[in-house]
């Protein structure tokens, strides 16, 4: 039969479940006891409602979204810009299925090496353009 292991507690160790949970619950209730009355007595002043269809001019996305944002600014139709980005993503996903050669040396595969370099250069150029436009 398997022997049951007795749990060993260090001398002076405080168990987590009753002691620490109660401390955390006390902190939460103190927090709520302070901030709920403040929220009731001093409510947030209402501002003009947000319009999700209008983006303010001064807002720009983070750097990793600047290329996609710049494409949407360049292409006149938003639907066409989204379709273009979808086609690029689909091409990246399907690239391993198109290139089934066993050779992996980029010097012996100039077409795919050129596509990779052109893609990276385009992404960098659109990101920089989006940053400074």
Protein backbone atom coordinates (compact mmCIF):
# COMPACT_ATOMS: atom_id res chain seq x y z
CA UNK A 1 0.00 0.00 0.00
CA UNK A 2 1.08 3.51 -0.68
CA UNK A 3 1.99 5.47 2.35
CA UNK A 4 0.42 8.85 2.74
CA UNK A 5 2.90 11.67 2.82
CA UNK A 6 2.51 13.92 5.75
CA UNK A 7 2.71 17.55 4.83
CA UNK A 8 5.57 19.24 6.51
CA UNK A 9 5.19 22.84 7.51
CA UNK A 10 8.11 24.90 8.53
CA UNK A 11 8.09 26.19 12.04
CA UNK A 12 6.31 29.53 12.09
CA UNK A 13 4.87 29.16 8.55
CA UNK A 14 1.47 30.77 8.05
CA UNK A 15 -1.07 28.74 6.03
CA UNK A 16 -2.22 30.45 2.84
CA UNK A 17 -5.91 29.60 2.73
CA UNK A 18 -7.40 31.04 5.86
CA UNK A 19 -4.87 33.75 6.72
CA UNK A 20 -3.78 35.28 3.39
CA UNK A 21 -7.22 35.00 1.78
CA UNK A 22 -8.77 36.87 4.71
CA UNK A 23 -6.11 39.59 4.44
CA UNK A 24 -6.79 39.99 0.70
CA UNK A 25 -10.54 40.11 1.27
CA UNK A 26 -10.07 42.75 3.97
CA UNK A 27 -7.96 44.85 1.58
CA UNK A 28 -10.63 44.57 -1.15
CA UNK A 29 -13.42 45.60 1.22
CA UNK A 30 -11.38 48.55 2.52
CA UNK A 31 -10.74 49.64 -1.07
CA UNK A 32 -14.44 49.33 -1.95
CA UNK A 33 -15.44 51.08 1.27
CA UNK A 34 -13.30 54.08 0.31
CA UNK A 35 -13.89 54.34 -3.44
CA UNK A 36 -17.61 53.52 -3.73
CA UNK A 37 -18.64 56.49 -1.55
CA UNK A 38 -16.20 58.71 -3.46
CA UNK A 39 -17.71 57.57 -6.76
CA UNK A 40 -21.21 58.29 -5.47
CA UNK A 41 -20.39 61.69 -3.95
CA UNK A 42 -18.15 62.91 -6.76
CA UNK A 43 -19.36 61.29 -10.01
CA UNK A 44 -17.33 61.60 -13.18
CA UNK A 45 -18.37 64.60 -15.24
CA UNK A 46 -20.04 63.64 -18.45
CA UNK A 47 -18.13 64.37 -21.62
CA UNK A 48 -19.38 64.29 -25.17
CA UNK A 49 -20.29 60.72 -26.16
CA UNK A 50 -17.73 58.73 -28.12
CA UNK A 51 -18.31 58.16 -31.82
CA UNK A 52 -16.66 54.92 -32.93
CA UNK A 53 -17.00 55.84 -36.60
CA UNK A 54 -14.88 59.01 -36.41
CA UNK A 55 -11.21 58.83 -35.51
CA UNK A 56 -9.61 62.04 -34.24
CA UNK A 57 -6.81 63.36 -36.43
CA UNK A 58 -4.11 63.34 -33.74
CA UNK A 59 -4.45 59.64 -32.85
CA UNK A 60 -1.90 57.21 -34.26
CA UNK A 61 -1.54 53.49 -33.53
CA UNK A 62 1.48 51.82 -31.97
CA UNK A 63 4.52 51.34 -34.19
CA UNK A 64 3.72 47.72 -35.10
CA UNK A 65 0.36 48.78 -36.60
CA UNK A 66 1.66 51.85 -38.45
CA UNK A 67 2.16 50.00 -41.77
CA UNK A 68 -1.43 48.72 -41.82
CA UNK A 69 -2.69 52.14 -40.75
CA UNK A 70 -0.70 53.80 -43.52
CA UNK A 71 -2.13 51.42 -46.12
CA UNK A 72 -5.62 52.39 -44.98
CA UNK A 73 -4.68 56.05 -45.34
CA UNK A 74 -3.15 55.58 -48.82
CA UNK A 75 -5.88 53.49 -50.44
CA UNK A 76 -8.97 55.61 -51.16
CA UNK A 77 -11.50 52.87 -50.34
CA UNK A 78 -11.35 51.36 -46.84
CA UNK A 79 -12.84 48.09 -48.12
CA UNK A 80 -10.13 47.88 -50.79
CA UNK A 81 -7.45 48.62 -48.19
CA UNK A 82 -8.74 45.86 -45.90
CA UNK A 83 -8.94 43.44 -48.83
CA UNK A 84 -5.36 44.29 -49.80
CA UNK A 85 -4.16 43.57 -46.26
CA UNK A 86 -6.12 40.31 -46.21
CA UNK A 87 -4.55 39.23 -49.49
CA UNK A 88 -1.07 39.95 -48.12
CA UNK A 89 -1.77 37.94 -44.96
CA UNK A 90 -3.22 35.09 -47.01
CA UNK A 91 -0.13 35.10 -49.24
CA UNK A 92 2.13 34.88 -46.18
CA UNK A 93 0.10 31.96 -44.82
CA UNK A 94 0.14 30.12 -48.17
CA UNK A 95 3.83 30.77 -48.92
CA UNK A 96 5.07 27.44 -47.50
CA UNK A 97 2.59 25.59 -49.72
CA UNK A 98 3.70 27.45 -52.85
CA UNK A 99 7.40 26.90 -52.25
CA UNK A 100 7.82 23.15 -51.98
CA UNK A 101 11.44 22.93 -53.13
CA UNK A 102 13.81 21.09 -50.84
CA UNK A 103 16.52 23.71 -51.36
CA UNK A 104 16.60 26.25 -48.52
CA UNK A 105 19.58 28.38 -49.48
CA UNK A 106 18.27 31.88 -50.29
CA UNK A 107 20.98 32.39 -52.92
CA UNK A 108 19.58 29.50 -54.94
CA UNK A 109 16.00 30.79 -54.64
CA UNK A 110 16.22 34.38 -55.94
CA UNK A 111 12.47 34.88 -56.49
CA UNK A 112 11.47 34.12 -52.92
CA UNK A 113 14.50 35.93 -51.51
CA UNK A 114 13.53 39.01 -53.53
CA UNK A 115 9.92 38.74 -52.35
CA UNK A 116 11.05 38.47 -48.71
CA UNK A 117 13.43 41.45 -48.98
CA UNK A 118 10.80 43.53 -50.82
CA UNK A 119 8.17 42.66 -48.19
CA UNK A 120 10.40 43.64 -45.29
CA UNK A 121 11.49 46.85 -47.00
CA UNK A 122 7.86 47.74 -47.79
CA UNK A 123 6.79 47.11 -44.19
CA UNK A 124 9.64 49.28 -42.86
CA UNK A 125 8.94 52.04 -45.39
CA UNK A 126 5.21 52.09 -44.58
CA UNK A 127 5.97 52.13 -40.85
CA UNK A 128 8.37 55.07 -41.17
CA UNK A 129 5.98 56.88 -43.49
CA UNK A 130 3.13 56.34 -41.03
CA UNK A 131 5.26 57.62 -38.16
CA UNK A 132 6.18 60.90 -39.82
CA UNK A 133 3.02 61.64 -41.79
